[in-house]
């Protein structure tokens, strides 16, 4: 196969981002702090090779980061929002310059195919463009007062330090969703990336550093901290951080919500998904197969929006299953830096154990494995992180089906009526993304109605993955209720203020109260 990137190319990228030496794990954006914590190694799931080392930050470095961020906020919030937006635009321009090498690094460190690595960086560029426009549209609203010669309006102010805790599956994009929006809102950002993909985060910090420096941005506006669990706990408990945005498992989200809620802070929670596609007799089956394949196999099943359940009408169940099995047989598994590869490795050997455990649970609970169901060994799979995409016939109420397994396992479930399909779709604890394939207007409108999908994302005739940045991203129930990216998600990064102005010469009270001496 023709390689997208050779070993020499990988080395060049590592050198370009300065990842060939032990890196200090804390940066205020314009400078790197000396850190004294333990060494964290990043290994590629593609071949198991060591990419680089980071010396993690400890409590002392964390304190310096937060102090710098707090001081930076005092100045950054004074900068006019359009000016902040222009600085974010410049960050987007820098990301454009580094799109290919950063996309390759994301692919090499995380394991997603190169095209998805490029797509992730493009998403960062897109959110910078979006944030630029948003910087001139941080609208409040006016309202009529019941009192004469009074004016009322509502406005939004910067909130402060935003803590961003990101997951391994999108090493860079989720940071940009939060940070670029927070920056134009007048906030400052402290990013704690996943310890499984720290070098991609370091590369991002190095890419934006020249923009911060040439614009004279205060030290601490966009900080990075690579740290252990103890320092992470310090971050979520810190009252100086009014908002913590977390992408991760429901278990992690519950912990963060509890600690931050106890101090009456705010959270944006983007947690687990258990996403389903309903395939009706009126579906365009060719389109549906394509959507299912990308939704279930893309990113090796490690997206929050990965298609995990397929709810198929009984009249087309067998034929659709046969087509799906044929399509899975065409999926090329291997090095994600090869152009022909459609599925690379999953993140690490622990994830492989979780995958194999889920397969065993499917069998124990009465399910049937139709395709895959095993780890891959031998030449090209030496890292021990490769598995086969799996299709299983199950019942929706199996305990393992109710649980999110972050791996390429697709569950097939049969239905008779559309109401039953909706009940199955909604019959899991999570509520992130959902989809229906149908040309029947009544079915599609019902799916989108108040009695339809209970997810934060509901799609018609497209899959569960691949959300655009213009819409608010997030879900309900065990997915956490948070919203990021587009629409009015920016409001979560600001504090709302209602203002009333009396331009008269008397002091009438609301509700007609008479309290005059």
Protein backbone atom coordinates (compact mmCIF):
# COMPACT_ATOMS: atom_id res chain seq x y z
CA UNK A 1 0.00 0.00 0.00
CA UNK A 2 1.07 3.56 -0.65
CA UNK A 3 1.82 5.36 2.59
CA UNK A 4 0.58 8.83 3.39
CA UNK A 5 3.52 9.32 5.74
CA UNK A 6 6.85 7.53 5.92
CA UNK A 7 9.00 6.98 9.00
CA UNK A 8 11.08 9.94 7.84
CA UNK A 9 7.92 12.01 7.59
CA UNK A 10 6.94 11.13 11.13
CA UNK A 11 10.37 12.11 12.39
CA UNK A 12 10.15 15.41 10.52
CA UNK A 13 6.82 16.25 12.16
CA UNK A 14 8.10 15.32 15.61
CA UNK A 15 11.11 17.56 15.05
CA UNK A 16 8.97 20.38 13.66
CA UNK A 17 6.82 20.48 16.78
CA UNK A 18 9.82 20.00 19.07
CA UNK A 19 8.56 16.68 20.40
CA UNK A 20 11.91 14.90 20.13
CA UNK A 21 13.00 16.05 23.59
CA UNK A 22 11.40 15.74 27.00
CA UNK A 23 8.77 18.49 27.13
CA UNK A 24 7.74 20.51 30.15
CA UNK A 25 4.07 19.84 30.87
CA UNK A 26 2.84 23.37 31.58
CA UNK A 27 2.54 26.42 29.35
CA UNK A 28 0.95 29.82 29.84
CA UNK A 29 0.66 30.15 26.08
CA UNK A 30 3.65 32.44 25.66
CA UNK A 31 6.14 30.49 27.79
CA UNK A 32 6.76 26.99 29.12
CA UNK A 33 7.17 26.47 32.85
CA UNK A 34 9.75 24.20 34.43
CA UNK A 35 7.93 21.13 35.74
CA UNK A 36 9.13 18.54 38.19
CA UNK A 37 6.51 15.82 38.03
CA UNK A 38 6.74 12.26 36.78
CA UNK A 39 7.51 11.46 33.14
CA UNK A 40 4.54 10.64 30.90
CA UNK A 41 5.31 8.69 27.73
CA UNK A 42 3.17 8.79 24.60
CA UNK A 43 3.21 5.65 22.45
CA UNK A 44 1.53 5.31 19.06
CA UNK A 45 -1.23 2.67 18.96
CA UNK A 46 -0.26 2.13 15.31
CA UNK A 47 3.06 0.44 16.03
CA UNK A 48 3.63 0.79 19.76
CA UNK A 49 6.62 3.05 19.25
CA UNK A 50 7.50 5.82 21.68
CA UNK A 51 6.64 9.23 20.22
CA UNK A 52 7.78 11.52 23.03
CA UNK A 53 7.97 12.25 26.74
CA UNK A 54 6.38 14.94 28.88
CA UNK A 55 7.40 15.89 32.39
CA UNK A 56 4.07 16.41 34.09
CA UNK A 57 3.11 19.49 36.05
CA UNK A 58 2.59 19.35 39.80
CA UNK A 59 0.67 21.46 42.29
CA UNK A 60 3.21 24.30 42.21
CA UNK A 61 3.08 24.63 38.43
CA UNK A 62 -0.70 24.40 38.52
CA UNK A 63 -0.82 27.35 40.90
CA UNK A 64 1.39 29.41 38.56
CA UNK A 65 -0.89 28.56 35.64
CA UNK A 66 -4.04 29.64 37.49
CA UNK A 67 -2.45 32.81 38.84
CA UNK A 68 -1.33 33.78 35.32
CA UNK A 69 -4.80 33.00 33.94
CA UNK A 70 -6.52 35.09 36.62
CA UNK A 71 -4.30 38.09 35.89
CA UNK A 72 -4.70 37.64 32.12
CA UNK A 73 -8.49 37.64 32.46
CA UNK A 74 -8.42 41.12 33.98
CA UNK A 75 -6.84 42.47 30.79
CA UNK A 76 -8.27 40.14 28.15
CA UNK A 77 -11.91 40.90 29.05
CA UNK A 78 -11.26 44.62 28.41
CA UNK A 79 -10.26 43.97 24.82
CA UNK A 80 -13.18 44.66 22.44
CA UNK A 81 -14.81 41.40 21.37
CA UNK A 82 -14.13 41.97 17.63
CA UNK A 83 -10.44 42.41 18.47
CA UNK A 84 -10.49 39.15 20.41
CA UNK A 85 -12.17 37.58 17.42
CA UNK A 86 -9.43 38.80 15.10
CA UNK A 87 -6.79 37.15 17.29
CA UNK A 88 -8.73 33.90 17.12
CA UNK A 89 -8.88 34.36 13.32
CA UNK A 90 -5.08 34.53 13.30
CA UNK A 91 -4.97 31.27 15.25
CA UNK A 92 -7.11 29.74 12.54
CA UNK A 93 -4.66 30.98 9.91
CA UNK A 94 -1.79 29.32 11.77
CA UNK A 95 -3.75 26.08 11.95
CA UNK A 96 -4.25 26.27 8.18
CA UNK A 97 -0.48 26.37 7.74
CA UNK A 98 -0.05 23.30 9.90
CA UNK A 99 -3.13 21.35 8.85
CA UNK A 100 -1.27 18.42 7.28
CA UNK A 101 1.47 17.90 9.90
CA UNK A 102 -0.93 18.38 12.81
CA UNK A 103 -3.46 16.02 11.17
CA UNK A 104 -0.70 13.44 10.74
CA UNK A 105 0.39 13.81 14.37
CA UNK A 106 -3.20 13.35 15.56
CA UNK A 107 -3.45 10.22 13.42
CA UNK A 108 -0.12 8.86 14.63
CA UNK A 109 -0.75 9.52 18.33
CA UNK A 110 -4.45 8.62 18.48
CA UNK A 111 -4.81 6.03 15.71
CA UNK A 112 -7.61 7.52 13.59
CA UNK A 113 -7.13 7.40 9.84
CA UNK A 114 -5.27 10.30 8.25
CA UNK A 115 -8.39 11.66 6.55
CA UNK A 116 -10.06 11.92 9.94
CA UNK A 117 -6.96 13.57 11.39
CA UNK A 118 -7.16 16.20 8.65
CA UNK A 119 -10.90 16.55 9.29
CA UNK A 120 -10.29 17.19 12.96
CA UNK A 121 -7.87 20.02 12.23
CA UNK A 122 -10.30 21.43 9.66
CA UNK A 123 -12.90 21.48 12.40
CA UNK A 124 -10.54 23.63 14.47
CA UNK A 125 -10.12 26.02 11.54
CA UNK A 126 -13.88 26.15 11.07
CA UNK A 127 -14.52 26.98 14.70
CA UNK A 128 -11.99 29.83 14.51
CA UNK A 129 -13.90 31.23 11.52
CA UNK A 130 -17.17 30.80 13.39
CA UNK A 131 -15.78 32.48 16.52
CA UNK A 132 -14.61 35.45 14.45
CA UNK A 133 -18.16 36.08 13.27
CA UNK A 134 -19.54 35.42 16.73
CA UNK A 135 -17.30 38.14 18.18
CA UNK A 136 -19.62 40.72 16.59
CA UNK A 137 -22.81 38.92 17.59
CA UNK A 138 -22.73 38.43 21.36
CA UNK A 139 -26.26 39.74 21.50
CA UNK A 140 -28.36 40.60 24.50
CA UNK A 141 -31.97 41.72 24.21
CA UNK A 142 -34.26 44.56 25.24
CA UNK A 143 -37.64 44.30 26.92
CA UNK A 144 -40.42 46.69 27.90
CA UNK A 145 -40.69 47.79 31.50
CA UNK A 146 -44.04 47.99 33.30
CA UNK A 147 -42.82 51.21 34.93
CA UNK A 148 -43.00 54.55 33.05
CA UNK A 149 -39.74 56.09 31.84
CA UNK A 150 -37.81 52.91 32.50
CA UNK A 151 -35.77 50.82 30.07
CA UNK A 152 -34.80 47.18 30.57
CA UNK A 153 -32.24 45.12 28.75
CA UNK A 154 -30.11 42.05 29.13
CA UNK A 155 -26.41 41.66 28.39
CA UNK A 156 -23.67 39.06 28.70
CA UNK A 157 -20.28 39.50 30.38
CA UNK A 158 -17.14 37.32 30.41
CA UNK A 159 -17.20 34.62 33.03
CA UNK A 160 -13.51 34.14 33.91
CA UNK A 161 -11.25 31.09 33.71
CA UNK A 162 -12.64 28.17 31.72
CA UNK A 163 -11.17 24.76 32.52
CA UNK A 164 -11.20 22.44 29.50
CA UNK A 165 -10.75 18.71 30.10
CA UNK A 166 -10.65 16.85 26.78
CA UNK A 167 -10.72 13.17 25.83
CA UNK A 168 -8.36 11.12 23.67
CA UNK A 169 -10.74 10.49 20.76
CA UNK A 170 -10.59 14.10 19.55
CA UNK A 171 -7.17 15.20 20.80
CA UNK A 172 -7.42 18.78 19.49
CA UNK A 173 -10.86 19.65 18.11
CA UNK A 174 -12.78 19.65 21.40
CA UNK A 175 -10.24 22.02 22.92
CA UNK A 176 -10.85 24.42 20.05
CA UNK A 177 -14.64 24.17 20.42
CA UNK A 178 -14.32 25.42 23.97
CA UNK A 179 -11.31 27.70 23.86
CA UNK A 180 -12.03 29.68 20.70
CA UNK A 181 -15.60 30.40 21.81
CA UNK A 182 -14.44 31.21 25.35
CA UNK A 183 -11.76 33.58 24.04
CA UNK A 184 -14.13 35.70 21.96
CA UNK A 185 -16.48 35.79 24.95
CA UNK A 186 -13.67 37.41 26.95
CA UNK A 187 -12.74 34.36 29.01
CA UNK A 188 -9.34 32.71 29.38
CA UNK A 189 -8.71 28.99 29.03
CA UNK A 190 -6.76 26.33 30.94
CA UNK A 191 -6.57 23.05 29.00
CA UNK A 192 -5.94 19.67 30.57
CA UNK A 193 -5.69 17.21 27.66
CA UNK A 194 -6.04 13.44 27.85
CA UNK A 195 -2.88 11.74 29.10
CA UNK A 196 -3.25 9.31 26.18
CA UNK A 197 -2.64 12.02 23.54
CA UNK A 198 -0.62 14.83 25.19
CA UNK A 199 1.73 15.57 22.29
CA UNK A 200 -1.05 16.71 19.98
CA UNK A 201 -2.01 19.23 22.67
CA UNK A 202 1.59 20.41 22.98
CA UNK A 203 1.71 20.92 19.21
CA UNK A 204 -1.45 23.08 19.33
CA UNK A 205 0.04 25.24 22.06
CA UNK A 206 3.18 25.74 20.00
CA UNK A 207 1.17 26.62 16.88
CA UNK A 208 -0.84 29.39 18.57
CA UNK A 209 2.06 30.78 20.65
CA UNK A 210 3.37 33.11 17.89
CA UNK A 211 -0.12 34.61 17.50
CA UNK A 212 -0.29 35.35 21.22
CA UNK A 213 3.19 36.86 21.21
CA UNK A 214 2.87 39.15 18.20
CA UNK A 215 -0.47 40.49 19.48
CA UNK A 216 0.91 41.23 22.93
CA UNK A 217 -1.65 38.93 24.53
CA UNK A 218 -1.22 38.65 28.32
CA UNK A 219 0.52 35.55 29.56
CA UNK A 220 -2.11 33.03 30.66
CA UNK A 221 -4.89 33.70 28.14
CA UNK A 222 -4.60 30.16 26.71
CA UNK A 223 -2.75 27.75 29.00
CA UNK A 224 -1.94 24.05 28.88
CA UNK A 225 -1.31 21.69 31.76
CA UNK A 226 -0.39 18.01 31.44
CA UNK A 227 -0.77 16.56 34.91
CA UNK A 228 -1.67 13.58 37.05
CA UNK A 229 -5.00 12.76 38.68
CA UNK A 230 -4.21 14.66 41.87
CA UNK A 231 -3.70 17.94 40.00
CA UNK A 232 -6.81 17.28 37.91
CA UNK A 233 -8.80 17.03 41.13
CA UNK A 234 -7.27 20.33 42.18
CA UNK A 235 -8.53 21.91 38.96
CA UNK A 236 -12.14 20.81 39.27
CA UNK A 237 -12.27 21.83 42.95
CA UNK A 238 -10.77 25.29 42.34
CA UNK A 239 -13.26 28.10 43.06
CA UNK A 240 -11.25 30.42 40.82
CA UNK A 241 -12.49 28.42 37.82
CA UNK A 242 -16.19 29.25 37.38
CA UNK A 243 -16.71 26.88 34.45
CA UNK A 244 -15.30 23.41 33.77
CA UNK A 245 -16.02 21.79 30.42
CA UNK A 246 -15.50 18.03 30.36
CA UNK A 247 -15.57 15.53 27.53
CA UNK A 248 -15.38 11.94 28.73
CA UNK A 249 -17.29 9.04 30.19
CA UNK A 250 -20.48 9.36 32.22
CA UNK A 251 -18.55 8.09 35.26
CA UNK A 252 -16.00 10.91 34.96
CA UNK A 253 -18.75 13.44 34.29
CA UNK A 254 -20.61 12.49 37.45
CA UNK A 255 -17.47 13.00 39.49
CA UNK A 256 -16.77 16.41 37.96
CA UNK A 257 -20.41 17.51 38.29
CA UNK A 258 -20.41 16.54 41.95
CA UNK A 259 -17.22 18.41 42.85
CA UNK A 260 -17.93 21.51 40.76
CA UNK A 261 -21.58 21.57 41.83
CA UNK A 262 -20.60 21.39 45.47
CA UNK A 263 -18.77 24.71 45.07
CA UNK A 264 -21.67 26.08 42.96
CA UNK A 265 -19.55 26.25 39.83
CA UNK A 266 -20.77 25.53 36.32
CA UNK A 267 -20.10 22.57 34.08
CA UNK A 268 -20.46 21.71 30.41
CA UNK A 269 -20.69 17.92 30.27
CA UNK A 270 -20.22 16.00 27.02
CA UNK A 271 -20.39 12.40 28.17
CA UNK A 272 -21.28 8.96 26.88
CA UNK A 273 -23.42 8.13 23.88
CA UNK A 274 -25.34 5.01 22.87
CA UNK A 275 -26.46 6.18 19.48
CA UNK A 276 -28.98 4.43 17.27
CA UNK A 277 -30.12 4.58 13.66
CA UNK A 278 -33.66 3.47 12.82
CA UNK A 279 -33.88 1.84 9.38
CA UNK A 280 -37.46 1.86 8.07
CA UNK A 281 -38.97 0.07 5.04
CA UNK A 282 -39.10 3.48 3.32
CA UNK A 283 -35.36 4.09 3.72
CA UNK A 284 -32.87 4.61 0.91
CA UNK A 285 -30.94 1.49 1.83
CA UNK A 286 -27.82 2.36 -0.14
CA UNK A 287 -27.51 5.67 1.71
CA UNK A 288 -28.26 3.95 4.99
CA UNK A 289 -25.46 1.38 4.51
CA UNK A 290 -22.95 4.17 3.85
CA UNK A 291 -24.07 6.09 6.94
CA UNK A 292 -23.96 3.02 9.17
CA UNK A 293 -20.52 2.04 7.95
CA UNK A 294 -18.97 5.42 8.71
CA UNK A 295 -20.96 5.84 11.92
CA UNK A 296 -19.99 2.43 13.33
CA UNK A 297 -16.47 1.96 11.93
CA UNK A 298 -15.18 5.55 11.70
CA UNK A 299 -12.55 6.39 14.32
CA UNK A 300 -12.63 2.65 15.13
CA UNK A 301 -15.87 3.14 17.05
CA UNK A 302 -14.33 5.71 19.39
CA UNK A 303 -16.51 8.74 18.71
CA UNK A 304 -19.05 9.98 21.23
CA UNK A 305 -21.47 9.90 18.28
CA UNK A 306 -20.46 6.44 17.02
CA UNK A 307 -23.43 4.36 15.80
CA UNK A 308 -23.75 1.60 18.39
CA UNK A 309 -27.28 0.32 17.75
CA UNK A 310 -29.13 -0.37 14.52
CA UNK A 311 -32.92 -0.67 14.85
CA UNK A 312 -34.19 -2.33 11.67
CA UNK A 313 -37.75 -3.06 10.57
CA UNK A 314 -38.48 -6.79 10.46
CA UNK A 315 -39.54 -6.70 6.79
CA UNK A 316 -36.08 -5.59 5.62
CA UNK A 317 -34.01 -6.99 8.48
CA UNK A 318 -32.46 -9.98 6.71
CA UNK A 319 -31.69 -8.20 3.45
CA UNK A 320 -30.19 -5.18 5.22
CA UNK A 321 -28.14 -7.45 7.46
CA UNK A 322 -26.74 -9.26 4.41
CA UNK A 323 -25.77 -5.96 2.77
CA UNK A 324 -24.16 -4.77 5.97
CA UNK A 325 -22.13 -7.96 6.37
CA UNK A 326 -20.92 -7.57 2.79
CA UNK A 327 -19.90 -3.95 3.45
CA UNK A 328 -18.02 -4.91 6.62
CA UNK A 329 -16.11 -7.48 4.61
CA UNK A 330 -14.70 -4.64 2.50
CA UNK A 331 -13.34 -2.64 5.45
CA UNK A 332 -9.55 -2.46 5.32
CA UNK A 333 -8.03 -2.55 8.80
CA UNK A 334 -4.45 -1.53 9.43
CA UNK A 335 -2.04 1.36 9.55
CA UNK A 336 -4.19 4.52 9.45
CA UNK A 337 -1.43 6.34 7.59
CA UNK A 338 -2.06 4.16 4.54
CA UNK A 339 -4.49 5.74 2.11
CA UNK A 340 -6.52 2.56 1.63
CA UNK A 341 -7.13 1.98 5.35
CA UNK A 342 -10.65 2.64 6.63
CA UNK A 343 -10.10 1.60 10.25
CA UNK A 344 -6.99 1.92 12.35
CA UNK A 345 -6.24 0.71 15.89
CA UNK A 346 -8.15 1.55 19.03
CA UNK A 347 -6.34 3.69 21.55
CA UNK A 348 -4.52 1.12 23.71
CA UNK A 349 -4.44 -2.44 25.05
CA UNK A 350 -6.83 -1.61 27.89
CA UNK A 351 -9.39 -0.59 25.25
CA UNK A 352 -8.84 -3.95 23.55
CA UNK A 353 -9.62 -5.68 26.86
CA UNK A 354 -12.85 -3.67 27.16
CA UNK A 355 -13.76 -4.66 23.59
CA UNK A 356 -13.15 -8.38 24.26
CA UNK A 357 -15.06 -8.19 27.54
CA UNK A 358 -18.05 -6.68 25.73
CA UNK A 359 -17.95 -9.50 23.16
CA UNK A 360 -18.05 -12.09 25.93
CA UNK A 361 -20.92 -10.28 27.62
CA UNK A 362 -22.90 -10.28 24.37
CA UNK A 363 -22.53 -14.05 24.17
CA UNK A 364 -23.29 -14.61 27.85
CA UNK A 365 -26.44 -12.47 27.70
CA UNK A 366 -27.82 -14.35 24.70
CA UNK A 367 -26.56 -12.36 21.74
CA UNK A 368 -25.02 -13.70 18.55
CA UNK A 369 -21.81 -12.47 16.93
CA UNK A 370 -22.36 -12.18 13.18
CA UNK A 371 -19.05 -10.63 12.21
CA UNK A 372 -15.72 -9.89 13.89
CA UNK A 373 -15.52 -10.28 17.62
CA UNK A 374 -11.78 -10.75 17.98
CA UNK A 375 -8.49 -8.91 18.28
CA UNK A 376 -6.06 -8.99 15.37
CA UNK A 377 -2.54 -10.40 15.61
CA UNK A 378 0.39 -10.90 13.30
CA UNK A 379 2.22 -8.71 10.83
CA UNK A 380 1.04 -5.11 10.87
CA UNK A 381 -0.79 -5.57 14.16
CA UNK A 382 2.22 -5.82 16.49
CA UNK A 383 1.08 -2.98 18.75
CA UNK A 384 -1.73 -5.18 20.08
CA UNK A 385 -4.30 -2.41 19.54
CA UNK A 386 -6.14 -3.72 16.46
CA UNK A 387 -9.57 -5.37 16.57
CA UNK A 388 -12.16 -6.43 14.04
CA UNK A 389 -15.27 -4.28 13.63
CA UNK A 390 -18.07 -6.36 15.06
CA UNK A 391 -21.75 -6.92 14.31
CA UNK A 392 -23.95 -8.67 16.87
CA UNK A 393 -27.65 -9.56 17.08
CA UNK A 394 -29.00 -8.60 20.51
CA UNK A 395 -32.00 -7.43 22.47
CA UNK A 396 -32.06 -3.77 23.48
CA UNK A 397 -32.47 -4.57 27.17
CA UNK A 398 -29.24 -6.58 27.45
CA UNK A 399 -27.09 -4.97 30.12
CA UNK A 400 -24.12 -4.73 27.76
CA UNK A 401 -26.27 -2.98 25.15
CA UNK A 402 -27.39 -0.43 27.73
CA UNK A 403 -23.72 0.31 28.42
CA UNK A 404 -21.43 2.32 26.12
CA UNK A 405 -18.43 0.28 24.96
CA UNK A 406 -15.93 2.61 23.30
CA UNK A 407 -15.08 0.23 20.47
CA UNK A 408 -16.37 -0.74 16.98
CA UNK A 409 -19.25 -2.97 18.10
CA UNK A 410 -22.60 -2.57 16.32
CA UNK A 411 -25.78 -4.11 17.76
CA UNK A 412 -28.63 -5.14 15.46
CA UNK A 413 -32.15 -4.97 16.88
CA UNK A 414 -35.40 -5.83 15.10
CA UNK A 415 -38.66 -3.84 15.36
CA UNK A 416 -42.28 -4.16 14.14
CA UNK A 417 -43.89 -0.71 14.51
CA UNK A 418 -42.41 2.77 14.36
CA UNK A 419 -43.57 3.51 17.89
CA UNK A 420 -41.67 0.42 19.04
CA UNK A 421 -38.58 1.67 17.19
CA UNK A 422 -38.80 5.03 18.98
CA UNK A 423 -39.16 3.28 22.33
CA UNK A 424 -36.07 1.18 21.58
CA UNK A 425 -34.13 4.24 20.44
CA UNK A 426 -34.95 6.08 23.66
CA UNK A 427 -34.64 3.02 25.86
CA UNK A 428 -31.05 3.56 27.01
CA UNK A 429 -29.58 5.83 29.71
CA UNK A 430 -27.65 7.98 27.22
CA UNK A 431 -29.10 10.63 24.89
CA UNK A 432 -26.49 12.07 22.55
CA UNK A 433 -27.13 11.37 18.85
CA UNK A 434 -29.83 9.58 16.88
CA UNK A 435 -30.94 9.10 13.31
CA UNK A 436 -33.75 7.73 11.17
CA UNK A 437 -33.60 6.68 7.53
CA UNK A 438 -37.01 7.07 5.92
CA UNK A 439 -38.75 8.85 3.04
CA UNK A 440 -42.02 8.73 4.98
CA UNK A 441 -42.83 12.28 6.10
CA UNK A 442 -45.03 11.12 8.97
CA UNK A 443 -42.23 8.95 10.38
CA UNK A 444 -39.53 11.58 10.05
CA UNK A 445 -41.65 14.34 11.57
CA UNK A 446 -42.66 12.08 14.45
CA UNK A 447 -38.99 11.24 15.01
CA UNK A 448 -38.23 14.96 15.35
CA UNK A 449 -41.28 15.80 17.47
CA UNK A 450 -41.58 16.12 21.25
CA UNK A 451 -42.62 12.46 21.39
CA UNK A 452 -39.78 11.30 19.14
CA UNK A 453 -36.04 11.05 19.77
CA UNK A 454 -34.97 12.16 23.26
CA UNK A 455 -31.41 12.91 22.13
CA UNK A 456 -29.66 16.25 21.82
CA UNK A 457 -28.97 15.46 18.15
CA UNK A 458 -31.67 13.96 15.91
CA UNK A 459 -30.92 13.45 12.20
CA UNK A 460 -32.97 12.40 9.20
CA UNK A 461 -31.35 10.47 6.35
CA UNK A 462 -27.83 11.06 7.62
CA UNK A 463 -25.90 9.11 10.24
CA UNK A 464 -25.23 9.81 13.90
CA UNK A 465 -21.66 11.06 13.37
CA UNK A 466 -20.21 14.10 11.68
CA UNK A 467 -21.95 17.04 13.38
CA UNK A 468 -21.23 20.47 11.88
CA UNK A 469 -19.82 23.23 14.07
CA UNK A 470 -22.72 25.60 13.33
CA UNK A 471 -25.13 23.67 15.54
CA UNK A 472 -24.97 23.21 19.30
CA UNK A 473 -23.37 19.85 20.11
CA UNK A 474 -24.43 17.83 23.13
CA UNK A 475 -26.98 15.45 24.58
CA UNK A 476 -29.41 14.67 27.36
CA UNK A 477 -29.79 12.14 30.20
CA UNK A 478 -26.47 10.43 31.02
CA UNK A 479 -24.81 12.41 28.23
CA UNK A 480 -24.84 15.33 30.65
CA UNK A 481 -26.95 18.06 29.06
CA UNK A 482 -24.02 20.23 27.97
CA UNK A 483 -23.81 22.16 24.69
CA UNK A 484 -20.68 23.22 22.84
CA UNK A 485 -19.73 24.73 19.48
CA UNK A 486 -22.44 26.59 17.50
CA UNK A 487 -25.90 28.12 17.89
CA UNK A 488 -26.17 29.88 21.27
CA UNK A 489 -23.77 27.52 23.07
CA UNK A 490 -21.59 30.61 23.65
CA UNK A 491 -23.95 31.72 26.42
CA UNK A 492 -22.58 28.98 28.69
CA UNK A 493 -19.23 30.78 28.70
CA UNK A 494 -20.70 34.07 29.91
CA UNK A 495 -22.66 35.48 32.82
CA UNK A 496 -26.06 37.01 32.15
CA UNK A 497 -27.03 40.37 33.57
CA UNK A 498 -30.43 42.11 33.57
CA UNK A 499 -30.28 45.92 33.63
CA UNK A 500 -33.01 48.46 34.41
CA UNK A 501 -32.51 52.18 33.80
CA UNK A 502 -34.80 54.86 35.21
CA UNK A 503 -34.56 57.98 33.05
CA UNK A 504 -37.46 59.74 34.79
CA UNK A 505 -37.71 61.98 37.86
CA UNK A 506 -39.91 59.72 40.01
CA UNK A 507 -39.37 56.30 41.54
CA UNK A 508 -42.35 54.04 40.70
CA UNK A 509 -42.07 50.49 42.05
CA UNK A 510 -42.81 47.31 40.19
CA UNK A 511 -46.09 45.46 40.76
CA UNK A 512 -47.72 48.78 41.67
CA UNK A 513 -46.36 48.77 45.21
CA UNK A 514 -46.78 52.08 47.07
CA UNK A 515 -43.97 52.64 49.58
CA UNK A 516 -43.74 56.44 49.84
CA UNK A 517 -43.03 58.28 53.08
